[in-house]
């Protein structure tokens, strides 16, 4: 397998955290998004969608979406499971992961790509040149303000996102809080003390060997 990635970007980080947690090392190729290497002909021949990450399987199949990559890794490397131990747990983890992506990651991406002059004419990832929509910045901030307290309230009674076990849902929240606090400069509100306490637990779980 070959893992195409760019370490600073949040989507590749979601996969890398899965690999780190499971202790899996893959042949890794860095594609520099700062120089738009993902739009060049060499990478376009590998992944015409021009997105990262991507996982090229030994069969020749290419996985380009984070959930598909991480579920493949889960089935291929089942040690230290990230999707629970039953069909019910898996469904709950996938449900939370989707909610976090839609309600936090997407509005953060709207703020980041529509309000940053670096992305003028490149408001969406991929091969198309898409103009920015400034109104999406304020809408994104409104969505974030509504969602952070919901996640914080959920974590008041839960050690991790789904019960007492670290899971892919926690990886999603680690990636999204890192994205918010870092690149987007829309930090998690200080009032969300449960998220702060969860973050320390999640980071410790991820670092365990």
Protein backbone atom coordinates (compact mmCIF):
# COMPACT_ATOMS: atom_id res chain seq x y z
CA UNK A 1 0.00 0.00 0.00
CA UNK A 2 0.98 3.61 -0.58
CA UNK A 3 -0.37 6.47 1.52
CA UNK A 4 -0.47 9.87 -0.20
CA UNK A 5 -0.73 12.64 2.36
CA UNK A 6 0.22 16.13 3.50
CA UNK A 7 0.94 16.15 7.21
CA UNK A 8 -0.29 19.65 8.15
CA UNK A 9 -3.76 19.21 6.59
CA UNK A 10 -6.68 18.04 8.77
CA UNK A 11 -8.07 15.35 6.47
CA UNK A 12 -4.72 13.52 6.16
CA UNK A 13 -4.32 13.89 9.92
CA UNK A 14 -7.52 11.91 10.47
CA UNK A 15 -6.00 8.92 8.68
CA UNK A 16 -2.56 9.36 10.23
CA UNK A 17 -4.07 9.24 13.72
CA UNK A 18 -5.74 5.93 12.85
CA UNK A 19 -2.39 4.57 11.69
CA UNK A 20 -0.57 5.89 14.75
CA UNK A 21 -3.11 4.45 17.16
CA UNK A 22 -2.88 1.03 15.53
CA UNK A 23 0.90 1.18 15.24
CA UNK A 24 0.77 0.69 11.46
CA UNK A 25 3.47 2.09 9.19
CA UNK A 26 2.84 2.42 5.46
CA UNK A 27 4.91 3.64 2.55
CA UNK A 28 4.11 7.34 2.67
CA UNK A 29 4.38 9.97 -0.04
CA UNK A 30 4.07 13.63 0.92
CA UNK A 31 2.24 15.81 -1.61
CA UNK A 32 2.90 19.49 -0.91
CA UNK A 33 -0.43 21.32 -0.89
CA UNK A 34 1.29 24.64 -0.21
CA UNK A 35 2.76 24.52 -3.71
CA UNK A 36 -0.43 22.98 -5.19
CA UNK A 37 1.42 19.76 -5.98
CA UNK A 38 -1.91 17.93 -5.67
CA UNK A 39 -3.06 19.75 -8.83
CA UNK A 40 -0.01 18.75 -10.87
CA UNK A 41 -0.08 16.14 -13.58
CA UNK A 42 1.94 13.56 -11.64
CA UNK A 43 -0.52 13.38 -8.76
CA UNK A 44 -3.54 13.92 -11.02
CA UNK A 45 -2.64 10.67 -12.79
CA UNK A 46 -2.84 8.90 -9.44
CA UNK A 47 -5.93 10.69 -8.12
CA UNK A 48 -7.91 12.71 -10.70
CA UNK A 49 -9.93 14.24 -7.84
CA UNK A 50 -6.73 16.06 -6.77
CA UNK A 51 -7.51 15.55 -3.09
CA UNK A 52 -5.61 14.25 -0.10
CA UNK A 53 -5.33 11.81 1.52
CA UNK A 54 -5.42 8.82 -0.80
CA UNK A 55 -4.58 5.19 -0.16
CA UNK A 56 -3.42 3.06 -3.08
CA UNK A 57 -4.08 -0.60 -2.32
CA UNK A 58 -1.96 -3.48 -3.51
CA UNK A 59 -4.88 -4.50 -5.72
CA UNK A 60 -4.61 -1.20 -7.58
CA UNK A 61 -7.80 0.22 -6.07
CA UNK A 62 -7.57 3.81 -4.85
CA UNK A 63 -9.40 5.00 -1.73
CA UNK A 64 -9.80 8.77 -1.56
CA UNK A 65 -12.33 9.40 1.23
CA UNK A 66 -11.26 9.34 4.88
CA UNK A 67 -14.11 7.11 6.14
CA UNK A 68 -13.44 4.51 3.45
CA UNK A 69 -9.69 4.57 4.16
CA UNK A 70 -10.16 4.23 7.91
CA UNK A 71 -12.75 1.45 7.72
CA UNK A 72 -10.42 -0.42 5.36
CA UNK A 73 -7.57 0.01 7.83
CA UNK A 74 -9.84 -1.16 10.66
CA UNK A 75 -10.69 -4.39 8.85
CA UNK A 76 -7.12 -4.94 7.65
CA UNK A 77 -5.47 -4.13 10.99
CA UNK A 78 -8.07 -5.04 13.64
CA UNK A 79 -5.69 -4.65 16.58
CA UNK A 80 -6.71 -1.77 18.85
CA UNK A 81 -10.17 -1.37 17.31
CA UNK A 82 -11.48 2.10 16.52
CA UNK A 83 -15.01 1.18 15.47
CA UNK A 84 -16.23 -0.72 18.52
CA UNK A 85 -16.80 -4.38 19.16
CA UNK A 86 -20.36 -4.81 17.95
CA UNK A 87 -22.65 -3.70 15.14
CA UNK A 88 -24.39 -1.30 17.53
CA UNK A 89 -21.14 0.32 18.69
CA UNK A 90 -19.92 0.62 15.10
CA UNK A 91 -23.16 2.32 14.06
CA UNK A 92 -23.00 4.80 16.96
CA UNK A 93 -19.34 5.63 16.26
CA UNK A 94 -20.03 6.15 12.54
CA UNK A 95 -23.04 8.31 13.41
CA UNK A 96 -21.04 10.58 15.71
CA UNK A 97 -18.21 10.77 13.18
CA UNK A 98 -20.63 11.95 10.51
CA UNK A 99 -22.21 14.50 12.85
CA UNK A 100 -18.81 15.92 13.78
CA UNK A 101 -17.81 16.18 10.14
CA UNK A 102 -21.03 17.86 9.03
CA UNK A 103 -21.60 20.16 12.01
CA UNK A 104 -17.99 21.15 12.81
CA UNK A 105 -15.53 20.29 10.06
CA UNK A 106 -17.65 21.60 7.18
CA UNK A 107 -18.40 25.01 8.75
CA UNK A 108 -14.74 25.36 9.73
CA UNK A 109 -13.79 24.62 6.12
CA UNK A 110 -16.31 27.24 4.95
CA UNK A 111 -14.74 29.85 7.22
CA UNK A 112 -11.21 28.86 6.22
CA UNK A 113 -11.60 28.62 2.46
CA UNK A 114 -14.05 31.48 1.93
CA UNK A 115 -12.32 34.01 4.16
CA UNK A 116 -8.67 33.38 3.36
CA UNK A 117 -7.20 35.33 0.40
CA UNK A 118 -4.87 32.37 -0.25
CA UNK A 119 -7.93 30.47 -1.53
CA UNK A 120 -9.23 33.15 -3.88
CA UNK A 121 -10.72 31.23 -6.80
CA UNK A 122 -10.06 27.95 -4.94
CA UNK A 123 -12.89 27.85 -2.40
CA UNK A 124 -13.27 24.08 -2.66
CA UNK A 125 -10.66 21.32 -2.90
CA UNK A 126 -10.35 19.42 -6.15
CA UNK A 127 -9.64 20.26 -9.78
CA UNK A 128 -12.30 22.96 -10.25
CA UNK A 129 -11.66 26.66 -9.72
CA UNK A 130 -14.52 27.81 -7.48
CA UNK A 131 -14.98 31.40 -6.31
CA UNK A 132 -15.26 32.23 -2.64
CA UNK A 133 -18.62 33.06 -1.06
CA UNK A 134 -17.92 35.50 1.81
CA UNK A 135 -21.37 34.94 3.35
CA UNK A 136 -20.36 31.37 4.15
CA UNK A 137 -17.81 32.70 6.64
CA UNK A 138 -20.45 34.20 8.92
CA UNK A 139 -22.78 31.25 8.43
CA UNK A 140 -19.95 28.91 9.37
CA UNK A 141 -19.24 30.86 12.56
CA UNK A 142 -22.93 30.71 13.51
CA UNK A 143 -22.99 26.96 13.01
CA UNK A 144 -19.87 26.52 15.13
CA UNK A 145 -21.30 28.64 17.94
CA UNK A 146 -24.34 26.37 17.99
CA UNK A 147 -22.48 23.06 17.84
CA UNK A 148 -19.57 23.43 20.29
CA UNK A 149 -21.89 23.63 23.34
CA UNK A 150 -23.74 20.52 22.15
CA UNK A 151 -20.52 18.51 22.00
CA UNK A 152 -19.42 19.91 25.33
CA UNK A 153 -22.70 18.86 26.96
CA UNK A 154 -22.36 15.35 25.51
CA UNK A 155 -18.88 15.00 26.99
CA UNK A 156 -20.09 15.99 30.45
CA UNK A 157 -21.22 12.41 31.00
CA UNK A 158 -18.90 10.48 28.70
CA UNK A 159 -15.18 9.79 29.01
CA UNK A 160 -14.83 9.59 25.24
CA UNK A 161 -17.18 10.40 22.39
CA UNK A 162 -18.73 6.92 22.59
CA UNK A 163 -18.60 5.57 26.12
CA UNK A 164 -15.37 4.58 27.84
CA UNK A 165 -13.32 3.56 24.78
CA UNK A 166 -11.27 5.73 22.43
CA UNK A 167 -12.70 5.44 18.91
CA UNK A 168 -12.68 6.92 15.44
CA UNK A 169 -15.19 9.50 16.68
CA UNK A 170 -12.51 10.80 19.05
CA UNK A 171 -10.05 10.99 16.17
CA UNK A 172 -12.58 13.07 14.25
CA UNK A 173 -12.95 15.47 17.18
CA UNK A 174 -9.17 15.68 17.71
CA UNK A 175 -8.74 16.59 14.05
CA UNK A 176 -11.52 19.16 14.09
CA UNK A 177 -10.39 20.86 17.33
CA UNK A 178 -6.84 21.01 15.99
CA UNK A 179 -8.12 22.54 12.75
CA UNK A 180 -10.22 25.08 14.65
CA UNK A 181 -7.49 26.11 17.08
CA UNK A 182 -4.77 26.14 14.43
CA UNK A 183 -5.31 26.87 10.75
CA UNK A 184 -8.78 28.43 11.03
CA UNK A 185 -8.07 30.51 14.16
CA UNK A 186 -11.59 29.91 15.44
CA UNK A 187 -10.69 28.23 18.73
CA UNK A 188 -12.98 26.06 20.78
CA UNK A 189 -14.76 28.38 23.26
CA UNK A 190 -13.10 28.56 26.68
CA UNK A 191 -16.50 27.84 28.23
CA UNK A 192 -16.36 24.30 26.77
CA UNK A 193 -14.46 22.85 29.72
CA UNK A 194 -15.65 19.30 29.03
CA UNK A 195 -14.06 19.38 25.59
CA UNK A 196 -10.81 20.60 27.15
CA UNK A 197 -10.84 17.75 29.69
CA UNK A 198 -11.73 15.23 26.98
CA UNK A 199 -8.86 16.48 24.80
CA UNK A 200 -6.29 15.59 27.45
CA UNK A 201 -7.76 12.08 27.78
CA UNK A 202 -7.94 11.58 24.01
CA UNK A 203 -4.37 12.75 23.44
CA UNK A 204 -3.16 10.36 26.15
CA UNK A 205 -5.09 7.46 24.61
CA UNK A 206 -3.68 8.22 21.16
CA UNK A 207 -0.12 8.29 22.54
CA UNK A 208 -0.38 4.91 24.28
CA UNK A 209 1.70 2.16 22.66
